[in-house]
Every structure is written in structure tokens, then in C-alpha cells.
Amino acid sequence: MFKIILQCMVLIYIILIVYYIIDLQKFNINGLIIDTSDTEEVKENAFKLNPVLFYNQSLFNINDPKLNYLQDINNYKNNHPSFVFKNNELFERINIPSLTLDTSFIHGSHFHFPIQHSITIIKGKNSIPLKKCIHNHNIIGVLEGSSTIYLFNPKHKDEIINKENDEIKKWGHKKLIQKGNVLLIPPYWSYIQEIEEGIIQYHTDIDTYFTFIPNLLKEIYS
């Protein structure tokens, strides 16, 4: 009896995984970047699958003393690498939850798997090649510096795949992001970044209990 119940539970879980993964691939074909400092507008446009550039600095502390440590890492006089992308261990070592946006007002806690945080540190002029945002919520917050980011609607996936940054910019929505900005990117949108003088940014990836396993496998094998 227990075995039958367990098998039914596993089957239901697999069905829900398939349902939520299919649902996750929906996108707004007319999606535009929304600039706002209103949390209600953030929630509304997250539901509409629009990218949102959020300016409300009161929700996270960009003057935290721990930023000094990050600034030291970004100093050319030390021996740290000049390009670190989405490093989870560095985020945990610095322990800077006060520097990240409290995302509870966006997603609540319904069915959400523990949130994943990471840090990107890029010194000097550099660029980030095309990245696809596969999570339910994909968030980039700028702690120091600035960059130009190009966001690509999933409708352009065939035009941008396996191409250099300069070849695909014409399909992107161009935006400057800088210290204190938080960019919320809908699922299956892609982006590239161009950095002139260096940037320190954090990434927040949020999945549900039904999407985290497929998304984890995508990250491992991508």
C-alpha cells in the first residue's frame, strides 16, 4: 500500500514538473523594460513577464560596510582574478544578505525553492557573452560600477543563438544599469553585458520546487 502511495506521489510530482516547465516557457512577445521605483508596479510587470529596472534603494543597503571588502577585491593591486562570474561561494563567504533586494514582495513564499545568490566581479573593460535566464525569477543587482546591458526577448532566440555580442545587439533592448539598480529579468529572456570600468553585481535565482531540478540540470549541462 505504501509503495502504491509513494508511486502516485512521484507520478504527481513528475506531472507537476512537466506542467510548470511548460508554463515557465511562456513569454510576452511585446515585452518592454519597465523603469520604476514602485513595488506594486514591479509585481504587476513581473506577472506580465516584462523586464523591470527597479530604482528603490531603500529596500536594500548599498552602504553596507561589507562593500569595502568587495571594493578591495576589485582593486587591481591585489591578486584576485579579474573575471568572476556568478560565484556562489564568494557570496556565502562575504555573507552580504543586507546588500541584496528582499524579493518576498515579488514572489512571496508559495512553492519556492531556497533562493540562490552569487556574485560577479569584473575588473576594467570586459563583456559577458549571451546568457539565458532559465529561472522563475532572474535578478541582477549592481553593488559597484555600471554596465550596458542588452536584453533579448525569447522571440529572437533563433537570431541570437551562437553569435558574437556585436552581431546581436540590434535585437536587444539596451539599458544602462548602475550602483543601486536592480534588474528583474523574466524566464527565457537572454542578455549580454558590456563593462567599461568594472562592475560588482549580485545575482538572485529563484525556482519553485517543481522547476529547480530541470533548471539545475540545464545549468550543469549548458
C-alpha atoms as a PDB file:
ATOM      1  CA  MET A   1       0.000   0.000   0.000  1.00  0.00           C
ATOM      2  CA  PHE A   2       2.757   2.389   0.977  1.00  0.00           C
ATOM      3  CA  LYS A   3       4.583   1.612  -2.262  1.00  0.00           C
ATOM      4  CA  ILE A   4       1.487   2.470  -4.313  1.00  0.00           C
ATOM      5  CA  ILE A   5       1.048   5.761  -2.455  1.00  0.00           C
ATOM      6  CA  LEU A   6       4.706   6.601  -2.998  1.00  0.00           C
ATOM      7  CA  GLN A   7       4.461   5.788  -6.698  1.00  0.00           C
ATOM      8  CA  CYS A   8       1.375   8.004  -7.005  1.00  0.00           C
ATOM      9  CA  MET A   9       3.164  10.863  -5.257  1.00  0.00           C
ATOM     10  CA  VAL A  10       6.166  10.539  -7.569  1.00  0.00           C
ATOM     11  CA  LEU A  11       3.896  10.443 -10.613  1.00  0.00           C
ATOM     12  CA  ILE A  12       2.028  13.561  -9.459  1.00  0.00           C
ATOM     13  CA  TYR A  13       5.344  15.337  -8.838  1.00  0.00           C
ATOM     14  CA  ILE A  14       6.596  14.455 -12.334  1.00  0.00           C
ATOM     15  CA  ILE A  15       3.343  15.696 -13.873  1.00  0.00           C
ATOM     16  CA  LEU A  16       3.661  18.973 -11.960  1.00  0.00           C
ATOM     17  CA  ILE A  17       7.292  19.334 -13.096  1.00  0.00           C
ATOM     18  CA  VAL A  18       6.228  18.980 -16.724  1.00  0.00           C
ATOM     19  CA  TYR A  19       3.357  21.435 -16.238  1.00  0.00           C
ATOM     20  CA  TYR A  20       5.486  24.110 -14.549  1.00  0.00           C
ATOM     21  CA  ILE A  21       8.368  23.773 -17.012  1.00  0.00           C
ATOM     22  CA  ILE A  22       5.973  24.267 -19.927  1.00  0.00           C
ATOM     23  CA  ASP A  23       4.361  27.194 -18.104  1.00  0.00           C
ATOM     24  CA  LEU A  24       7.800  28.691 -17.425  1.00  0.00           C
ATOM     25  CA  GLN A  25       8.476  28.973 -21.152  1.00  0.00           C
ATOM     26  CA  LYS A  26       5.628  31.420 -21.717  1.00  0.00           C
ATOM     27  CA  PHE A  27       6.759  34.922 -22.632  1.00  0.00           C
ATOM     28  CA  ASN A  28       5.390  38.336 -23.531  1.00  0.00           C
ATOM     29  CA  ILE A  29       6.055  38.767 -27.243  1.00  0.00           C
ATOM     30  CA  ASN A  30       5.694  42.556 -26.828  1.00  0.00           C
ATOM     31  CA  GLY A  31       7.696  42.750 -23.593  1.00  0.00           C
ATOM     32  CA  LEU A  32       9.475  46.040 -22.819  1.00  0.00           C
ATOM     33  CA  ILE A  33      11.810  47.110 -19.997  1.00  0.00           C
ATOM     34  CA  ILE A  34       9.803  48.958 -17.346  1.00  0.00           C
ATOM     35  CA  ASP A  35      11.614  51.590 -15.234  1.00  0.00           C
ATOM     36  CA  THR A  36      10.033  52.033 -11.810  1.00  0.00           C
ATOM     37  CA  SER A  37      10.543  52.624  -8.097  1.00  0.00           C
ATOM     38  CA  ASP A  38       7.076  51.319  -7.226  1.00  0.00           C
ATOM     39  CA  THR A  39       6.988  47.812  -5.772  1.00  0.00           C
ATOM     40  CA  GLU A  40       3.403  47.266  -6.908  1.00  0.00           C
ATOM     41  CA  GLU A  41       4.439  48.081 -10.467  1.00  0.00           C
ATOM     42  CA  VAL A  42       7.296  45.604 -10.136  1.00  0.00           C
ATOM     43  CA  LYS A  43       4.881  42.835  -9.137  1.00  0.00           C
ATOM     44  CA  GLU A  44       2.429  43.766 -11.879  1.00  0.00           C
ATOM     45  CA  ASN A  45       5.053  43.676 -14.622  1.00  0.00           C
ATOM     46  CA  ALA A  46       6.707  40.546 -13.269  1.00  0.00           C
ATOM     47  CA  PHE A  47       3.302  38.896 -13.713  1.00  0.00           C
ATOM     48  CA  LYS A  48       3.085  40.338 -17.248  1.00  0.00           C
ATOM     49  CA  LEU A  49       6.563  38.916 -17.992  1.00  0.00           C
ATOM     50  CA  ASN A  50       8.114  42.331 -18.626  1.00  0.00           C
ATOM     51  CA  PRO A  51      11.723  43.026 -17.554  1.00  0.00           C
ATOM     52  CA  VAL A  52      11.827  45.615 -14.765  1.00  0.00           C
ATOM     53  CA  LEU A  53      14.612  48.044 -13.823  1.00  0.00           C
ATOM     54  CA  PHE A  54      13.973  48.863 -10.177  1.00  0.00           C
ATOM     55  CA  TYR A  55      15.325  52.025  -8.551  1.00  0.00           C
ATOM     56  CA  ASN A  56      14.053  51.850  -4.973  1.00  0.00           C
ATOM     57  CA  GLN A  57      17.312  51.843  -2.986  1.00  0.00           C
ATOM     58  CA  SER A  58      15.529  51.911   0.370  1.00  0.00           C
ATOM     59  CA  LEU A  59      14.824  48.171   0.148  1.00  0.00           C
ATOM     60  CA  PHE A  60      18.487  47.195   0.334  1.00  0.00           C
ATOM     61  CA  ASN A  61      21.566  48.752   1.878  1.00  0.00           C
ATOM     62  CA  ILE A  62      24.164  49.724  -0.714  1.00  0.00           C
ATOM     63  CA  ASN A  63      26.207  51.489   2.003  1.00  0.00           C
ATOM     64  CA  ASP A  64      26.864  48.327   3.969  1.00  0.00           C
ATOM     65  CA  PRO A  65      30.473  48.240   5.340  1.00  0.00           C
ATOM     66  CA  LYS A  66      30.927  44.840   3.688  1.00  0.00           C
ATOM     67  CA  LEU A  67      31.039  46.685   0.367  1.00  0.00           C
ATOM     68  CA  ASN A  68      34.541  47.785   1.377  1.00  0.00           C
ATOM     69  CA  TYR A  69      35.660  44.172   1.126  1.00  0.00           C
ATOM     70  CA  LEU A  70      34.158  43.855  -2.322  1.00  0.00           C
ATOM     71  CA  GLN A  71      35.852  47.087  -3.370  1.00  0.00           C
ATOM     72  CA  ASP A  72      39.186  45.703  -2.149  1.00  0.00           C
ATOM     73  CA  ILE A  73      38.662  42.587  -4.273  1.00  0.00           C
ATOM     74  CA  ASN A  74      38.059  44.836  -7.272  1.00  0.00           C
ATOM     75  CA  ASN A  75      41.317  46.701  -6.663  1.00  0.00           C
ATOM     76  CA  TYR A  76      43.988  45.945  -9.289  1.00  0.00           C
ATOM     77  CA  LYS A  77      46.737  45.951  -6.642  1.00  0.00           C
ATOM     78  CA  ASN A  78      45.660  42.583  -5.247  1.00  0.00           C
ATOM     79  CA  ASN A  79      45.988  39.139  -6.746  1.00  0.00           C
ATOM     80  CA  HIS A  80      42.319  38.264  -7.139  1.00  0.00           C
ATOM     81  CA  PRO A  81      41.157  37.222 -10.624  1.00  0.00           C
ATOM     82  CA  SER A  82      39.790  39.938 -12.880  1.00  0.00           C
ATOM     83  CA  PHE A  83      36.718  38.000 -14.016  1.00  0.00           C
ATOM     84  CA  VAL A  84      34.481  36.134 -11.568  1.00  0.00           C
ATOM     85  CA  PHE A  85      31.000  35.221 -12.826  1.00  0.00           C
ATOM     86  CA  LYS A  86      28.132  34.072 -10.587  1.00  0.00           C
ATOM     87  CA  ASN A  87      30.299  32.687  -7.800  1.00  0.00           C
ATOM     88  CA  ASN A  88      28.128  31.189  -5.036  1.00  0.00           C
ATOM     89  CA  GLU A  89      30.982  30.503  -2.621  1.00  0.00           C
ATOM     90  CA  LEU A  90      32.189  34.102  -2.702  1.00  0.00           C
ATOM     91  CA  PHE A  91      28.707  35.350  -1.895  1.00  0.00           C
ATOM     92  CA  GLU A  92      28.468  32.974   1.066  1.00  0.00           C
ATOM     93  CA  ARG A  93      31.946  33.879   2.293  1.00  0.00           C
ATOM     94  CA  ILE A  94      31.207  37.598   2.262  1.00  0.00           C
ATOM     95  CA  ASN A  95      27.776  36.990   3.830  1.00  0.00           C
ATOM     96  CA  ILE A  96      26.035  40.094   2.500  1.00  0.00           C
ATOM     97  CA  PRO A  97      22.269  39.488   2.668  1.00  0.00           C
ATOM     98  CA  SER A  98      21.797  43.158   3.595  1.00  0.00           C
ATOM     99  CA  LEU A  99      23.110  44.124   0.164  1.00  0.00           C
ATOM    100  CA  THR A 100      20.504  42.132  -1.751  1.00  0.00           C
ATOM    101  CA  LEU A 101      16.939  43.024  -2.548  1.00  0.00           C
ATOM    102  CA  ASP A 102      14.282  41.422  -0.346  1.00  0.00           C
ATOM    103  CA  THR A 103      12.375  39.549  -3.039  1.00  0.00           C
ATOM    104  CA  SER A 104       9.457  38.441  -0.865  1.00  0.00           C
ATOM    105  CA  PHE A 105       7.303  41.265  -2.210  1.00  0.00           C
ATOM    106  CA  ILE A 106       7.723  39.805  -5.721  1.00  0.00           C
ATOM    107  CA  HIS A 107       7.223  36.080  -5.280  1.00  0.00           C
ATOM    108  CA  GLY A 108       6.002  35.502  -1.717  1.00  0.00           C
ATOM    109  CA  SER A 109       6.914  32.013  -0.498  1.00  0.00           C
ATOM    110  CA  HIS A 110       4.459  29.869  -2.433  1.00  0.00           C
ATOM    111  CA  PHE A 111       6.183  26.708  -3.712  1.00  0.00           C
ATOM    112  CA  HIS A 112       9.555  28.467  -3.962  1.00  0.00           C
ATOM    113  CA  PHE A 113      12.761  26.532  -3.509  1.00  0.00           C
ATOM    114  CA  PRO A 114      15.526  28.145  -1.390  1.00  0.00           C
ATOM    115  CA  ILE A 115      16.881  31.183  -3.226  1.00  0.00           C
ATOM    116  CA  GLN A 116      20.336  31.000  -4.824  1.00  0.00           C
ATOM    117  CA  HIS A 117      22.664  34.008  -4.578  1.00  0.00           C
ATOM    118  CA  SER A 118      26.005  34.604  -6.322  1.00  0.00           C
ATOM    119  CA  ILE A 119      28.485  37.393  -7.052  1.00  0.00           C
ATOM    120  CA  THR A 120      30.017  38.648 -10.305  1.00  0.00           C
ATOM    121  CA  ILE A 121      33.175  40.783 -10.170  1.00  0.00           C
ATOM    122  CA  ILE A 122      34.673  42.148 -13.380  1.00  0.00           C
ATOM    123  CA  LYS A 123      37.650  44.483 -13.409  1.00  0.00           C
ATOM    124  CA  GLY A 124      38.149  47.020 -16.171  1.00  0.00           C
ATOM    125  CA  LYS A 125      36.776  46.790 -19.675  1.00  0.00           C
ATOM    126  CA  ASN A 126      35.184  43.453 -20.446  1.00  0.00           C
ATOM    127  CA  SER A 127      31.996  41.813 -21.640  1.00  0.00           C
ATOM    128  CA  ILE A 128      29.663  38.991 -20.717  1.00  0.00           C
ATOM    129  CA  PRO A 129      28.571  36.822 -23.648  1.00  0.00           C
ATOM    130  CA  LEU A 130      24.992  35.736 -24.201  1.00  0.00           C
ATOM    131  CA  LYS A 131      23.309  34.236 -21.133  1.00  0.00           C
ATOM    132  CA  LYS A 132      19.812  32.755 -20.986  1.00  0.00           C
ATOM    133  CA  CYS A 133      17.696  33.367 -17.877  1.00  0.00           C
ATOM    134  CA  ILE A 134      16.121  29.997 -17.105  1.00  0.00           C
ATOM    135  CA  HIS A 135      14.764  30.554 -13.593  1.00  0.00           C
ATOM    136  CA  ASN A 136      11.313  31.683 -12.473  1.00  0.00           C
ATOM    137  CA  HIS A 137      12.881  34.942 -11.300  1.00  0.00           C
ATOM    138  CA  ASN A 138      16.296  36.154 -12.525  1.00  0.00           C
ATOM    139  CA  ILE A 139      17.615  39.208 -10.691  1.00  0.00           C
ATOM    140  CA  ILE A 140      20.787  41.284 -11.106  1.00  0.00           C
ATOM    141  CA  GLY A 141      21.629  43.970  -8.550  1.00  0.00           C
ATOM    142  CA  VAL A 142      24.530  46.387  -9.052  1.00  0.00           C
ATOM    143  CA  LEU A 143      26.677  46.970  -5.950  1.00  0.00           C
ATOM    144  CA  GLU A 144      29.508  48.948  -7.560  1.00  0.00           C
ATOM    145  CA  GLY A 145      30.229  50.290 -11.043  1.00  0.00           C
ATOM    146  CA  SER A 146      27.974  50.184 -14.075  1.00  0.00           C
ATOM    147  CA  SER A 147      27.432  48.396 -17.357  1.00  0.00           C
ATOM    148  CA  THR A 148      25.362  48.481 -20.505  1.00  0.00           C
ATOM    149  CA  ILE A 149      23.023  45.527 -20.734  1.00  0.00           C
ATOM    150  CA  TYR A 150      21.111  44.259 -23.761  1.00  0.00           C
ATOM    151  CA  LEU A 151      18.005  42.178 -23.069  1.00  0.00           C
ATOM    152  CA  PHE A 152      16.619  39.847 -25.721  1.00  0.00           C
ATOM    153  CA  ASN A 153      13.014  38.745 -25.962  1.00  0.00           C
ATOM    154  CA  PRO A 154      12.707  34.945 -26.450  1.00  0.00           C
ATOM    155  CA  LYS A 155      11.074  35.612 -29.816  1.00  0.00           C
ATOM    156  CA  HIS A 156      14.579  36.438 -31.116  1.00  0.00           C
ATOM    157  CA  LYS A 157      16.197  33.193 -29.936  1.00  0.00           C
ATOM    158  CA  ASP A 158      16.939  31.987 -33.479  1.00  0.00           C
ATOM    159  CA  GLU A 159      18.542  35.307 -34.463  1.00  0.00           C
ATOM    160  CA  ILE A 160      20.917  35.486 -31.489  1.00  0.00           C
ATOM    161  CA  ILE A 161      21.998  31.910 -30.778  1.00  0.00           C
ATOM    162  CA  ASN A 162      25.718  31.101 -31.213  1.00  0.00           C
ATOM    163  CA  LYS A 163      26.629  34.630 -32.328  1.00  0.00           C
ATOM    164  CA  GLU A 164      29.053  37.254 -31.046  1.00  0.00           C
ATOM    165  CA  ASN A 165      27.774  40.171 -28.966  1.00  0.00           C
ATOM    166  CA  ASP A 166      28.227  42.757 -31.722  1.00  0.00           C
ATOM    167  CA  GLU A 167      26.171  40.655 -34.126  1.00  0.00           C
ATOM    168  CA  ILE A 168      23.053  40.526 -31.958  1.00  0.00           C
ATOM    169  CA  LYS A 169      22.772  43.956 -30.326  1.00  0.00           C
ATOM    170  CA  LYS A 170      20.229  45.145 -32.877  1.00  0.00           C
ATOM    171  CA  TRP A 171      17.676  42.695 -31.442  1.00  0.00           C
ATOM    172  CA  GLY A 172      18.242  43.779 -27.843  1.00  0.00           C
ATOM    173  CA  HIS A 173      16.660  46.314 -25.503  1.00  0.00           C
ATOM    174  CA  LYS A 174      19.600  48.490 -24.394  1.00  0.00           C
ATOM    175  CA  LYS A 175      19.818  49.766 -20.820  1.00  0.00           C
ATOM    176  CA  LEU A 176      22.430  51.295 -18.517  1.00  0.00           C
ATOM    177  CA  ILE A 177      22.488  49.710 -15.071  1.00  0.00           C
ATOM    178  CA  GLN A 178      24.498  51.219 -12.210  1.00  0.00           C
ATOM    179  CA  LYS A 179      25.006  51.157  -8.448  1.00  0.00           C
ATOM    180  CA  GLY A 180      21.713  50.765  -6.642  1.00  0.00           C
ATOM    181  CA  ASN A 181      19.797  49.421  -9.653  1.00  0.00           C
ATOM    182  CA  VAL A 182      18.084  46.029  -9.605  1.00  0.00           C
ATOM    183  CA  LEU A 183      17.110  44.373 -12.870  1.00  0.00           C
ATOM    184  CA  LEU A 184      14.427  41.683 -12.862  1.00  0.00           C
ATOM    185  CA  ILE A 185      14.516  39.513 -15.994  1.00  0.00           C
ATOM    186  CA  PRO A 186      11.625  37.193 -16.985  1.00  0.00           C
ATOM    187  CA  PRO A 187      12.216  33.497 -17.714  1.00  0.00           C
ATOM    188  CA  TYR A 188      13.826  32.596 -21.033  1.00  0.00           C
ATOM    189  CA  TRP A 189      14.918  36.136 -21.846  1.00  0.00           C
ATOM    190  CA  SER A 190      18.646  36.406 -22.620  1.00  0.00           C
ATOM    191  CA  TYR A 191      21.206  39.141 -22.041  1.00  0.00           C
ATOM    192  CA  ILE A 192      24.703  40.361 -22.777  1.00  0.00           C
ATOM    193  CA  GLN A 193      26.667  42.970 -20.824  1.00  0.00           C
ATOM    194  CA  GLU A 194      29.385  45.459 -21.742  1.00  0.00           C
ATOM    195  CA  ILE A 195      31.537  46.818 -18.927  1.00  0.00           C
ATOM    196  CA  GLU A 196      33.863  49.787 -19.332  1.00  0.00           C
ATOM    197  CA  GLU A 197      35.473  50.323 -15.918  1.00  0.00           C
ATOM    198  CA  GLY A 198      34.473  47.314 -13.846  1.00  0.00           C
ATOM    199  CA  ILE A 199      31.389  46.135 -12.003  1.00  0.00           C
ATOM    200  CA  ILE A 200      30.378  44.233  -8.884  1.00  0.00           C
ATOM    201  CA  GLN A 201      26.909  42.735  -9.059  1.00  0.00           C
ATOM    202  CA  TYR A 202      24.935  40.023  -7.334  1.00  0.00           C
ATOM    203  CA  HIS A 203      22.595  37.509  -8.930  1.00  0.00           C
ATOM    204  CA  THR A 204      19.463  36.085  -7.334  1.00  0.00           C
ATOM    205  CA  ASP A 205      17.971  32.995  -8.981  1.00  0.00           C
ATOM    206  CA  ILE A 206      14.580  31.795  -7.775  1.00  0.00           C
ATOM    207  CA  ASP A 207      12.985  28.471  -8.707  1.00  0.00           C
ATOM    208  CA  THR A 208       9.968  26.546  -7.479  1.00  0.00           C
ATOM    209  CA  TYR A 209      10.044  23.032  -6.077  1.00  0.00           C
ATOM    210  CA  PHE A 210       8.814  21.899  -9.483  1.00  0.00           C
ATOM    211  CA  THR A 211      11.355  23.740 -11.652  1.00  0.00           C
ATOM    212  CA  PHE A 212      14.610  23.618  -9.683  1.00  0.00           C
ATOM    213  CA  ILE A 213      15.655  20.100 -10.786  1.00  0.00           C
ATOM    214  CA  PRO A 214      15.218  20.717 -14.562  1.00  0.00           C
ATOM    215  CA  ASN A 215      16.847  24.148 -14.224  1.00  0.00           C
ATOM    216  CA  LEU A 216      19.752  22.724 -12.246  1.00  0.00           C
ATOM    217  CA  LEU A 217      20.338  20.146 -14.973  1.00  0.00           C
ATOM    218  CA  LYS A 218      20.217  22.887 -17.622  1.00  0.00           C
ATOM    219  CA  GLU A 219      22.898  24.861 -15.768  1.00  0.00           C
ATOM    220  CA  ILE A 220      25.120  21.822 -15.317  1.00  0.00           C
ATOM    221  CA  TYR A 221      24.961  20.703 -18.948  1.00  0.00           C
ATOM    222  CA  SER A 222      24.712  24.073 -20.696  1.00  0.00           C
END
